[in-house]
Amino acid sequence: MHKPAVAGCLIVGLAVIGFLTAADVMNTVSAIAVGVALFIAAGVELKRKKPNE
């Protein structure tokens, strides 16, 4: 994926997690765990080498 797309997905994901936590659908520990997983996934995607075409 392109870097802006990865950043956009990360921002949207964090916004959804924040909303679910504020609405008491998700507890704080789960929200932190999912947030960390999102950051790791975004970092892996950004560091991934593009295949040669």
Protein backbone atom coordinates (compact mmCIF):
# COMPACT_ATOMS: atom_id res chain seq x y z
CA MET A 1 0.00 0.00 0.00
CA HIS A 2 1.02 3.59 -0.36
CA LYS A 3 2.18 5.46 2.72
CA PRO A 4 -0.79 7.91 2.77
CA ALA A 5 -3.22 4.97 2.58
CA VAL A 6 -1.50 3.22 5.49
CA ALA A 7 -1.52 6.42 7.54
CA GLY A 8 -5.19 7.01 6.73
CA CYS A 9 -6.15 3.49 7.77
CA LEU A 10 -4.18 3.87 10.99
CA ILE A 11 -5.91 7.17 11.84
CA VAL A 12 -9.37 5.78 11.08
CA GLY A 13 -8.64 2.64 13.11
CA LEU A 14 -7.50 4.67 16.10
CA ALA A 15 -10.57 6.90 15.82
CA VAL A 16 -12.87 3.86 15.84
CA ILE A 17 -11.04 2.41 18.85
CA GLY A 18 -11.34 5.77 20.65
CA PHE A 19 -15.06 5.95 19.90
CA LEU A 20 -15.70 2.39 21.09
CA THR A 21 -13.74 3.03 24.28
CA ALA A 22 -15.61 6.29 24.96
CA ALA A 23 -18.94 4.53 24.38
CA ASP A 24 -17.97 1.80 26.90
CA VAL A 25 -18.18 -0.90 24.23
CA MET A 26 -14.50 -1.72 24.69
CA ASN A 27 -12.46 -1.63 27.87
CA THR A 28 -9.25 0.40 28.04
CA VAL A 29 -6.86 -2.57 28.16
CA SER A 30 -8.34 -4.05 24.98
CA ALA A 31 -8.22 -0.66 23.28
CA ILE A 32 -4.53 -0.26 24.11
CA ALA A 33 -3.77 -3.78 22.87
CA VAL A 34 -5.59 -3.23 19.58
CA GLY A 35 -3.95 0.19 19.17
CA VAL A 36 -0.49 -1.31 19.62
CA ALA A 37 -1.35 -4.05 17.12
CA LEU A 38 -2.44 -1.37 14.61
CA PHE A 39 0.84 0.53 15.02
CA ILE A 40 2.85 -2.68 14.57
CA ALA A 41 0.89 -3.65 11.45
CA ALA A 42 1.30 -0.17 9.97
CA GLY A 43 5.03 -0.22 10.71
CA VAL A 44 5.45 -3.62 9.09
CA GLU A 45 3.51 -2.46 6.03
CA LEU A 46 5.60 0.69 5.69
CA LYS A 47 8.90 -1.21 6.07
CA ARG A 48 7.91 -3.94 3.61
CA LYS A 49 9.99 -3.98 0.45
CA LYS A 50 8.10 -3.52 -2.77
CA PRO A 51 8.40 -6.43 -5.21
CA ASN A 52 10.39 -5.81 -8.36
CA GLU A 53 8.24 -5.59 -11.43
